[in-house]
Amino acid sequence: NPKKVYDPVTHCAAGAVAGGFAAALTT
């Protein structure tokens, strides 16, 4: 979302991937 507009789908997907990425590295 380069324009930084409110997009629930983008925020939800980015939050899920970011959480999974951080969880895997700190296992």
mmCIF file of all heavy atoms, coordinates in Angstrom:
data_MODEL
# 
_entry.id   MODEL 
# 
loop_
_atom_site.group_PDB 
_atom_site.id 
_atom_site.type_symbol 
_atom_site.label_atom_id 
_atom_site.label_alt_id 
_atom_site.label_comp_id 
_atom_site.label_asym_id 
_atom_site.label_entity_id 
_atom_site.label_seq_id 
_atom_site.pdbx_PDB_ins_code 
_atom_site.Cartn_x 
_atom_site.Cartn_y 
_atom_site.Cartn_z 
_atom_site.occupancy 
_atom_site.B_iso_or_equiv 
_atom_site.pdbx_formal_charge 
_atom_site.auth_seq_id 
_atom_site.auth_comp_id 
_atom_site.auth_asym_id 
_atom_site.auth_atom_id 
_atom_site.pdbx_PDB_model_num 
ATOM 1   N N   . ASN A 1 1  ? 0.854   -1.188  0.000  1.00 0.00 ? 1  ASN A N   1 
ATOM 2   C CA  . ASN A 1 1  ? 0.000   0.000   0.000  1.00 0.00 ? 1  ASN A CA  1 
ATOM 3   C C   . ASN A 1 1  ? 0.896   1.247   0.000  1.00 0.00 ? 1  ASN A C   1 
ATOM 4   O O   . ASN A 1 1  ? 1.068   1.906   1.026  1.00 0.00 ? 1  ASN A O   1 
ATOM 5   C CB  . ASN A 1 1  ? -0.908  -0.023  1.237  1.00 0.00 ? 1  ASN A CB  1 
ATOM 6   C CG  . ASN A 1 1  ? -1.944  1.079   1.218  1.00 0.00 ? 1  ASN A CG  1 
ATOM 7   O OD1 . ASN A 1 1  ? -2.123  1.775   0.222  1.00 0.00 ? 1  ASN A OD1 1 
ATOM 8   N ND2 . ASN A 1 1  ? -2.630  1.259   2.333  1.00 0.00 ? 1  ASN A ND2 1 
ATOM 9   N N   . PRO A 1 2  ? 1.493   1.589   -1.145 1.00 0.00 ? 2  PRO A N   1 
ATOM 10  C CA  . PRO A 1 2  ? 2.430   2.725   -1.180 1.00 0.00 ? 2  PRO A CA  1 
ATOM 11  C C   . PRO A 1 2  ? 1.773   4.063   -0.837 1.00 0.00 ? 2  PRO A C   1 
ATOM 12  O O   . PRO A 1 2  ? 2.439   4.955   -0.304 1.00 0.00 ? 2  PRO A O   1 
ATOM 13  C CB  . PRO A 1 2  ? 2.939   2.716   -2.629 1.00 0.00 ? 2  PRO A CB  1 
ATOM 14  C CG  . PRO A 1 2  ? 2.625   1.356   -3.157 1.00 0.00 ? 2  PRO A CG  1 
ATOM 15  C CD  . PRO A 1 2  ? 1.383   0.925   -2.450 1.00 0.00 ? 2  PRO A CD  1 
ATOM 16  N N   . LYS A 1 3  ? 0.481   4.231   -1.120 1.00 0.00 ? 3  LYS A N   1 
ATOM 17  C CA  . LYS A 1 3  ? -0.194  5.501   -0.858 1.00 0.00 ? 3  LYS A CA  1 
ATOM 18  C C   . LYS A 1 3  ? -0.610  5.667   0.602  1.00 0.00 ? 3  LYS A C   1 
ATOM 19  O O   . LYS A 1 3  ? -1.107  6.730   0.985  1.00 0.00 ? 3  LYS A O   1 
ATOM 20  C CB  . LYS A 1 3  ? -1.425  5.623   -1.754 1.00 0.00 ? 3  LYS A CB  1 
ATOM 21  C CG  . LYS A 1 3  ? -1.089  5.684   -3.240 1.00 0.00 ? 3  LYS A CG  1 
ATOM 22  C CD  . LYS A 1 3  ? -2.340  5.870   -4.075 1.00 0.00 ? 3  LYS A CD  1 
ATOM 23  C CE  . LYS A 1 3  ? -2.002  5.953   -5.556 1.00 0.00 ? 3  LYS A CE  1 
ATOM 24  N NZ  . LYS A 1 3  ? -3.229  6.145   -6.388 1.00 0.00 ? 3  LYS A NZ  1 
ATOM 25  N N   . LYS A 1 4  ? -0.435  4.639   1.406  1.00 0.00 ? 4  LYS A N   1 
ATOM 26  C CA  . LYS A 1 4  ? -0.743  4.690   2.830  1.00 0.00 ? 4  LYS A CA  1 
ATOM 27  C C   . LYS A 1 4  ? -2.206  5.040   3.111  1.00 0.00 ? 4  LYS A C   1 
ATOM 28  O O   . LYS A 1 4  ? -2.525  5.729   4.079  1.00 0.00 ? 4  LYS A O   1 
ATOM 29  C CB  . LYS A 1 4  ? 0.156   5.711   3.538  1.00 0.00 ? 4  LYS A CB  1 
ATOM 30  C CG  . LYS A 1 4  ? 1.634   5.329   3.559  1.00 0.00 ? 4  LYS A CG  1 
ATOM 31  C CD  . LYS A 1 4  ? 1.886   4.152   4.469  1.00 0.00 ? 4  LYS A CD  1 
ATOM 32  C CE  . LYS A 1 4  ? 3.363   3.848   4.577  1.00 0.00 ? 4  LYS A CE  1 
ATOM 33  N NZ  . LYS A 1 4  ? 3.634   2.724   5.505  1.00 0.00 ? 4  LYS A NZ  1 
ATOM 34  N N   . VAL A 1 5  ? -3.106  4.563   2.266  1.00 0.00 ? 5  VAL A N   1 
ATOM 35  C CA  . VAL A 1 5  ? -4.538  4.768   2.498  1.00 0.00 ? 5  VAL A CA  1 
ATOM 36  C C   . VAL A 1 5  ? -5.053  3.627   3.359  1.00 0.00 ? 5  VAL A C   1 
ATOM 37  O O   . VAL A 1 5  ? -4.440  2.569   3.462  1.00 0.00 ? 5  VAL A O   1 
ATOM 38  C CB  . VAL A 1 5  ? -5.308  4.840   1.164  1.00 0.00 ? 5  VAL A CB  1 
ATOM 39  C CG1 . VAL A 1 5  ? -4.864  6.040   0.354  1.00 0.00 ? 5  VAL A CG1 1 
ATOM 40  C CG2 . VAL A 1 5  ? -5.132  3.562   0.362  1.00 0.00 ? 5  VAL A CG2 1 
ATOM 41  N N   . TYR A 1 6  ? -6.215  3.857   3.960  1.00 0.00 ? 6  TYR A N   1 
ATOM 42  C CA  . TYR A 1 6  ? -6.769  2.834   4.846  1.00 0.00 ? 6  TYR A CA  1 
ATOM 43  C C   . TYR A 1 6  ? -7.312  1.679   4.016  1.00 0.00 ? 6  TYR A C   1 
ATOM 44  O O   . TYR A 1 6  ? -8.238  1.830   3.221  1.00 0.00 ? 6  TYR A O   1 
ATOM 45  C CB  . TYR A 1 6  ? -7.871  3.428   5.709  1.00 0.00 ? 6  TYR A CB  1 
ATOM 46  C CG  . TYR A 1 6  ? -8.530  2.410   6.601  1.00 0.00 ? 6  TYR A CG  1 
ATOM 47  C CD1 . TYR A 1 6  ? -7.794  1.756   7.585  1.00 0.00 ? 6  TYR A CD1 1 
ATOM 48  C CD2 . TYR A 1 6  ? -9.880  2.104   6.469  1.00 0.00 ? 6  TYR A CD2 1 
ATOM 49  C CE1 . TYR A 1 6  ? -8.377  0.826   8.412  1.00 0.00 ? 6  TYR A CE1 1 
ATOM 50  C CE2 . TYR A 1 6  ? -10.476 1.167   7.296  1.00 0.00 ? 6  TYR A CE2 1 
ATOM 51  C CZ  . TYR A 1 6  ? -9.721  0.531   8.261  1.00 0.00 ? 6  TYR A CZ  1 
ATOM 52  O OH  . TYR A 1 6  ? -10.308 -0.399  9.073  1.00 0.00 ? 6  TYR A OH  1 
ATOM 53  N N   . ASP A 1 7  ? -6.730  0.498   4.214  1.00 0.00 ? 7  ASP A N   1 
ATOM 54  C CA  . ASP A 1 7  ? -7.130  -0.706  3.503  1.00 0.00 ? 7  ASP A CA  1 
ATOM 55  C C   . ASP A 1 7  ? -7.112  -1.864  4.491  1.00 0.00 ? 7  ASP A C   1 
ATOM 56  O O   . ASP A 1 7  ? -6.043  -2.376  4.836  1.00 0.00 ? 7  ASP A O   1 
ATOM 57  C CB  . ASP A 1 7  ? -6.181  -0.985  2.337  1.00 0.00 ? 7  ASP A CB  1 
ATOM 58  C CG  . ASP A 1 7  ? -6.643  -2.156  1.481  1.00 0.00 ? 7  ASP A CG  1 
ATOM 59  O OD1 . ASP A 1 7  ? -7.733  -2.708  1.763  1.00 0.00 ? 7  ASP A OD1 1 
ATOM 60  O OD2 . ASP A 1 7  ? -5.928  -2.524  0.539  1.00 0.00 ? 7  ASP A OD2 1 
ATOM 61  N N   . PRO A 1 8  ? -8.262  -2.280  5.010  1.00 0.00 ? 8  PRO A N   1 
ATOM 62  C CA  . PRO A 1 8  ? -8.278  -3.332  6.037  1.00 0.00 ? 8  PRO A CA  1 
ATOM 63  C C   . PRO A 1 8  ? -7.624  -4.631  5.588  1.00 0.00 ? 8  PRO A C   1 
ATOM 64  O O   . PRO A 1 8  ? -6.954  -5.293  6.386  1.00 0.00 ? 8  PRO A O   1 
ATOM 65  C CB  . PRO A 1 8  ? -9.773  -3.524  6.318  1.00 0.00 ? 8  PRO A CB  1 
ATOM 66  C CG  . PRO A 1 8  ? -10.425 -2.254  5.879  1.00 0.00 ? 8  PRO A CG  1 
ATOM 67  C CD  . PRO A 1 8  ? -9.619  -1.766  4.725  1.00 0.00 ? 8  PRO A CD  1 
ATOM 68  N N   . VAL A 1 9  ? -7.811  -4.991  4.323  1.00 0.00 ? 9  VAL A N   1 
ATOM 69  C CA  . VAL A 1 9  ? -7.227  -6.240  3.836  1.00 0.00 ? 9  VAL A CA  1 
ATOM 70  C C   . VAL A 1 9  ? -5.705  -6.167  3.863  1.00 0.00 ? 9  VAL A C   1 
ATOM 71  O O   . VAL A 1 9  ? -5.017  -7.109  4.292  1.00 0.00 ? 9  VAL A O   1 
ATOM 72  C CB  . VAL A 1 9  ? -7.744  -6.550  2.419  1.00 0.00 ? 9  VAL A CB  1 
ATOM 73  C CG1 . VAL A 1 9  ? -7.088  -7.818  1.873  1.00 0.00 ? 9  VAL A CG1 1 
ATOM 74  C CG2 . VAL A 1 9  ? -9.263  -6.698  2.417  1.00 0.00 ? 9  VAL A CG2 1 
ATOM 75  N N   . THR A 1 10 ? -5.162  -5.049  3.425  1.00 0.00 ? 10 THR A N   1 
ATOM 76  C CA  . THR A 1 10 ? -3.708  -4.886  3.416  1.00 0.00 ? 10 THR A CA  1 
ATOM 77  C C   . THR A 1 10 ? -3.146  -4.890  4.828  1.00 0.00 ? 10 THR A C   1 
ATOM 78  O O   . THR A 1 10 ? -2.137  -5.554  5.112  1.00 0.00 ? 10 THR A O   1 
ATOM 79  C CB  . THR A 1 10 ? -3.334  -3.572  2.710  1.00 0.00 ? 10 THR A CB  1 
ATOM 80  O OG1 . THR A 1 10 ? -3.794  -3.627  1.362  1.00 0.00 ? 10 THR A OG1 1 
ATOM 81  C CG2 . THR A 1 10 ? -1.832  -3.356  2.731  1.00 0.00 ? 10 THR A CG2 1 
ATOM 82  N N   . HIS A 1 11 ? -3.789  -4.168  5.732  1.00 0.00 ? 11 HIS A N   1 
ATOM 83  C CA  . HIS A 1 11 ? -3.303  -4.118  7.105  1.00 0.00 ? 11 HIS A CA  1 
ATOM 84  C C   . HIS A 1 11 ? -3.376  -5.482  7.776  1.00 0.00 ? 11 HIS A C   1 
ATOM 85  O O   . HIS A 1 11 ? -2.464  -5.867  8.523  1.00 0.00 ? 11 HIS A O   1 
ATOM 86  C CB  . HIS A 1 11 ? -4.110  -3.098  7.907  1.00 0.00 ? 11 HIS A CB  1 
ATOM 87  C CG  . HIS A 1 11 ? -4.046  -1.712  7.355  1.00 0.00 ? 11 HIS A CG  1 
ATOM 88  N ND1 . HIS A 1 11 ? -2.878  -1.171  6.857  1.00 0.00 ? 11 HIS A ND1 1 
ATOM 89  C CD2 . HIS A 1 11 ? -5.000  -0.746  7.204  1.00 0.00 ? 11 HIS A CD2 1 
ATOM 90  C CE1 . HIS A 1 11 ? -3.108  0.061   6.443  1.00 0.00 ? 11 HIS A CE1 1 
ATOM 91  N NE2 . HIS A 1 11 ? -4.385  0.341   6.644  1.00 0.00 ? 11 HIS A NE2 1 
ATOM 92  N N   . CYS A 1 12 ? -4.437  -6.216  7.519  1.00 0.00 ? 12 CYS A N   1 
ATOM 93  C CA  . CYS A 1 12 ? -4.592  -7.541  8.118  1.00 0.00 ? 12 CYS A CA  1 
ATOM 94  C C   . CYS A 1 12 ? -3.540  -8.506  7.577  1.00 0.00 ? 12 CYS A C   1 
ATOM 95  O O   . CYS A 1 12 ? -2.904  -9.246  8.339  1.00 0.00 ? 12 CYS A O   1 
ATOM 96  C CB  . CYS A 1 12 ? -6.004  -8.062  7.861  1.00 0.00 ? 12 CYS A CB  1 
ATOM 97  S SG  . CYS A 1 12 ? -6.352  -9.670  8.607  1.00 0.00 ? 12 CYS A SG  1 
ATOM 98  N N   . ALA A 1 13 ? -3.346  -8.502  6.279  1.00 0.00 ? 13 ALA A N   1 
ATOM 99  C CA  . ALA A 1 13 ? -2.372  -9.412  5.665  1.00 0.00 ? 13 ALA A CA  1 
ATOM 100 C C   . ALA A 1 13 ? -0.949  -9.056  6.088  1.00 0.00 ? 13 ALA A C   1 
ATOM 101 O O   . ALA A 1 13 ? -0.147  -9.942  6.429  1.00 0.00 ? 13 ALA A O   1 
ATOM 102 C CB  . ALA A 1 13 ? -2.506  -9.366  4.148  1.00 0.00 ? 13 ALA A CB  1 
ATOM 103 N N   . ALA A 1 14 ? -0.621  -7.769  6.074  1.00 0.00 ? 14 ALA A N   1 
ATOM 104 C CA  . ALA A 1 14 ? 0.727   -7.359  6.469  1.00 0.00 ? 14 ALA A CA  1 
ATOM 105 C C   . ALA A 1 14 ? 0.991   -7.669  7.940  1.00 0.00 ? 14 ALA A C   1 
ATOM 106 O O   . ALA A 1 14 ? 2.088   -8.107  8.303  1.00 0.00 ? 14 ALA A O   1 
ATOM 107 C CB  . ALA A 1 14 ? 0.912   -5.861  6.209  1.00 0.00 ? 14 ALA A CB  1 
ATOM 108 N N   . GLY A 1 15 ? -0.010  -7.477  8.794  1.00 0.00 ? 15 GLY A N   1 
ATOM 109 C CA  . GLY A 1 15 ? 0.166   -7.800  10.200 1.00 0.00 ? 15 GLY A CA  1 
ATOM 110 C C   . GLY A 1 15 ? 0.358   -9.298  10.435 1.00 0.00 ? 15 GLY A C   1 
ATOM 111 O O   . GLY A 1 15 ? 1.179   -9.693  11.263 1.00 0.00 ? 15 GLY A O   1 
ATOM 112 N N   . ALA A 1 16 ? -0.377  -10.115 9.708  1.00 0.00 ? 16 ALA A N   1 
ATOM 113 C CA  . ALA A 1 16 ? -0.247  -11.562 9.861  1.00 0.00 ? 16 ALA A CA  1 
ATOM 114 C C   . ALA A 1 16 ? 1.129   -12.045 9.410  1.00 0.00 ? 16 ALA A C   1 
ATOM 115 O O   . ALA A 1 16 ? 1.788   -12.833 10.106 1.00 0.00 ? 16 ALA A O   1 
ATOM 116 C CB  . ALA A 1 16 ? -1.346  -12.267 9.077  1.00 0.00 ? 16 ALA A CB  1 
ATOM 117 N N   . VAL A 1 17 ? 1.579   -11.571 8.254  1.00 0.00 ? 17 VAL A N   1 
ATOM 118 C CA  . VAL A 1 17 ? 2.884   -11.998 7.747  1.00 0.00 ? 17 VAL A CA  1 
ATOM 119 C C   . VAL A 1 17 ? 4.008   -11.499 8.661  1.00 0.00 ? 17 VAL A C   1 
ATOM 120 O O   . VAL A 1 17 ? 4.978   -12.217 8.933  1.00 0.00 ? 17 VAL A O   1 
ATOM 121 C CB  . VAL A 1 17 ? 3.083   -11.492 6.307  1.00 0.00 ? 17 VAL A CB  1 
ATOM 122 C CG1 . VAL A 1 17 ? 4.477   -11.824 5.802  1.00 0.00 ? 17 VAL A CG1 1 
ATOM 123 C CG2 . VAL A 1 17 ? 2.044   -12.110 5.383  1.00 0.00 ? 17 VAL A CG2 1 
ATOM 124 N N   . ALA A 1 18 ? 3.892   -10.264 9.127  1.00 0.00 ? 18 ALA A N   1 
ATOM 125 C CA  . ALA A 1 18 ? 4.915   -9.722  10.018 1.00 0.00 ? 18 ALA A CA  1 
ATOM 126 C C   . ALA A 1 18 ? 4.983   -10.504 11.325 1.00 0.00 ? 18 ALA A C   1 
ATOM 127 O O   . ALA A 1 18 ? 6.079   -10.799 11.831 1.00 0.00 ? 18 ALA A O   1 
ATOM 128 C CB  . ALA A 1 18 ? 4.629   -8.251  10.298 1.00 0.00 ? 18 ALA A CB  1 
ATOM 129 N N   . GLY A 1 19 ? 3.831   -10.861 11.875 1.00 0.00 ? 19 GLY A N   1 
ATOM 130 C CA  . GLY A 1 19 ? 3.826   -11.645 13.100 1.00 0.00 ? 19 GLY A CA  1 
ATOM 131 C C   . GLY A 1 19 ? 4.402   -13.035 12.913 1.00 0.00 ? 19 GLY A C   1 
ATOM 132 O O   . GLY A 1 19 ? 5.157   -13.521 13.756 1.00 0.00 ? 19 GLY A O   1 
ATOM 133 N N   . GLY A 1 20 ? 4.052   -13.684 11.807 1.00 0.00 ? 20 GLY A N   1 
ATOM 134 C CA  . GLY A 1 20 ? 4.604   -15.004 11.531 1.00 0.00 ? 20 GLY A CA  1 
ATOM 135 C C   . GLY A 1 20 ? 6.107   -14.972 11.318 1.00 0.00 ? 20 GLY A C   1 
ATOM 136 O O   . GLY A 1 20 ? 6.844   -15.859 11.771 1.00 0.00 ? 20 GLY A O   1 
ATOM 137 N N   . PHE A 1 21 ? 6.571   -13.930 10.633 1.00 0.00 ? 21 PHE A N   1 
ATOM 138 C CA  . PHE A 1 21 ? 8.009   -13.773 10.409 1.00 0.00 ? 21 PHE A CA  1 
ATOM 139 C C   . PHE A 1 21 ? 8.763   -13.582 11.716 1.00 0.00 ? 21 PHE A C   1 
ATOM 140 O O   . PHE A 1 21 ? 9.781   -14.233 11.967 1.00 0.00 ? 21 PHE A O   1 
ATOM 141 C CB  . PHE A 1 21 ? 8.233   -12.570 9.477  1.00 0.00 ? 21 PHE A CB  1 
ATOM 142 C CG  . PHE A 1 21 ? 9.665   -12.158 9.329  1.00 0.00 ? 21 PHE A CG  1 
ATOM 143 C CD1 . PHE A 1 21 ? 10.533  -12.888 8.538  1.00 0.00 ? 21 PHE A CD1 1 
ATOM 144 C CD2 . PHE A 1 21 ? 10.144  -11.028 9.982  1.00 0.00 ? 21 PHE A CD2 1 
ATOM 145 C CE1 . PHE A 1 21 ? 11.874  -12.507 8.412  1.00 0.00 ? 21 PHE A CE1 1 
ATOM 146 C CE2 . PHE A 1 21 ? 11.461  -10.636 9.854  1.00 0.00 ? 21 PHE A CE2 1 
ATOM 147 C CZ  . PHE A 1 21 ? 12.337  -11.380 9.067  1.00 0.00 ? 21 PHE A CZ  1 
ATOM 148 N N   . ALA A 1 22 ? 8.263   -12.712 12.572 1.00 0.00 ? 22 ALA A N   1 
ATOM 149 C CA  . ALA A 1 22 ? 8.921   -12.473 13.853 1.00 0.00 ? 22 ALA A CA  1 
ATOM 150 C C   . ALA A 1 22 ? 8.847   -13.702 14.766 1.00 0.00 ? 22 ALA A C   1 
ATOM 151 O O   . ALA A 1 22 ? 9.806   -14.011 15.493 1.00 0.00 ? 22 ALA A O   1 
ATOM 152 C CB  . ALA A 1 22 ? 8.291   -11.265 14.549 1.00 0.00 ? 22 ALA A CB  1 
ATOM 153 N N   . ALA A 1 23 ? 7.735   -14.401 14.740 1.00 0.00 ? 23 ALA A N   1 
ATOM 154 C CA  . ALA A 1 23 ? 7.590   -15.595 15.577 1.00 0.00 ? 23 ALA A CA  1 
ATOM 155 C C   . ALA A 1 23 ? 8.550   -16.695 15.155 1.00 0.00 ? 23 ALA A C   1 
ATOM 156 O O   . ALA A 1 23 ? 9.121   -17.394 16.002 1.00 0.00 ? 23 ALA A O   1 
ATOM 157 C CB  . ALA A 1 23 ? 6.148   -16.091 15.517 1.00 0.00 ? 23 ALA A CB  1 
ATOM 158 N N   . ALA A 1 24 ? 8.746   -16.869 13.843 1.00 0.00 ? 24 ALA A N   1 
ATOM 159 C CA  . ALA A 1 24 ? 9.648   -17.915 13.359 1.00 0.00 ? 24 ALA A CA  1 
ATOM 160 C C   . ALA A 1 24 ? 11.089  -17.638 13.770 1.00 0.00 ? 24 ALA A C   1 
ATOM 161 O O   . ALA A 1 24 ? 11.824  -18.546 14.175 1.00 0.00 ? 24 ALA A O   1 
ATOM 162 C CB  . ALA A 1 24 ? 9.534   -18.035 11.843 1.00 0.00 ? 24 ALA A CB  1 
ATOM 163 N N   . LEU A 1 25 ? 11.509  -16.382 13.693 1.00 0.00 ? 25 LEU A N   1 
ATOM 164 C CA  . LEU A 1 25 ? 12.899  -16.054 14.003 1.00 0.00 ? 25 LEU A CA  1 
ATOM 165 C C   . LEU A 1 25 ? 13.186  -16.077 15.502 1.00 0.00 ? 25 LEU A C   1 
ATOM 166 O O   . LEU A 1 25 ? 14.337  -16.257 15.905 1.00 0.00 ? 25 LEU A O   1 
ATOM 167 C CB  . LEU A 1 25 ? 13.247  -14.673 13.435 1.00 0.00 ? 25 LEU A CB  1 
ATOM 168 C CG  . LEU A 1 25 ? 13.292  -14.566 11.907 1.00 0.00 ? 25 LEU A CG  1 
ATOM 169 C CD1 . LEU A 1 25 ? 13.742  -13.187 11.477 1.00 0.00 ? 25 LEU A CD1 1 
ATOM 170 C CD2 . LEU A 1 25 ? 14.216  -15.631 11.303 1.00 0.00 ? 25 LEU A CD2 1 
ATOM 171 N N   . THR A 1 26 ? 12.184  -15.898 16.321 1.00 0.00 ? 26 THR A N   1 
ATOM 172 C CA  . THR A 1 26 ? 12.395  -15.896 17.774 1.00 0.00 ? 26 THR A CA  1 
ATOM 173 C C   . THR A 1 26 ? 11.973  -17.213 18.430 1.00 0.00 ? 26 THR A C   1 
ATOM 174 O O   . THR A 1 26 ? 11.883  -17.274 19.665 1.00 0.00 ? 26 THR A O   1 
ATOM 175 C CB  . THR A 1 26 ? 11.622  -14.741 18.423 1.00 0.00 ? 26 THR A CB  1 
ATOM 176 O OG1 . THR A 1 26 ? 10.230  -14.828 18.063 1.00 0.00 ? 26 THR A OG1 1 
ATOM 177 C CG2 . THR A 1 26 ? 12.158  -13.394 17.951 1.00 0.00 ? 26 THR A CG2 1 
ATOM 178 N N   . THR A 1 27 ? 11.754  -18.240 17.637 1.00 0.00 ? 27 THR A N   1 
ATOM 179 C CA  . THR A 1 27 ? 11.370  -19.539 18.185 1.00 0.00 ? 27 THR A CA  1 
ATOM 180 C C   . THR A 1 27 ? 12.427  -20.137 19.102 1.00 0.00 ? 27 THR A C   1 
ATOM 181 O O   . THR A 1 27 ? 12.082  -20.727 20.138 1.00 0.00 ? 27 THR A O   1 
ATOM 182 C CB  . THR A 1 27 ? 11.025  -20.515 17.054 1.00 0.00 ? 27 THR A CB  1 
ATOM 183 O OG1 . THR A 1 27 ? 9.903   -20.017 16.314 1.00 0.00 ? 27 THR A OG1 1 
ATOM 184 C CG2 . THR A 1 27 ? 10.688  -21.893 17.585 1.00 0.00 ? 27 THR A CG2 1 
# 
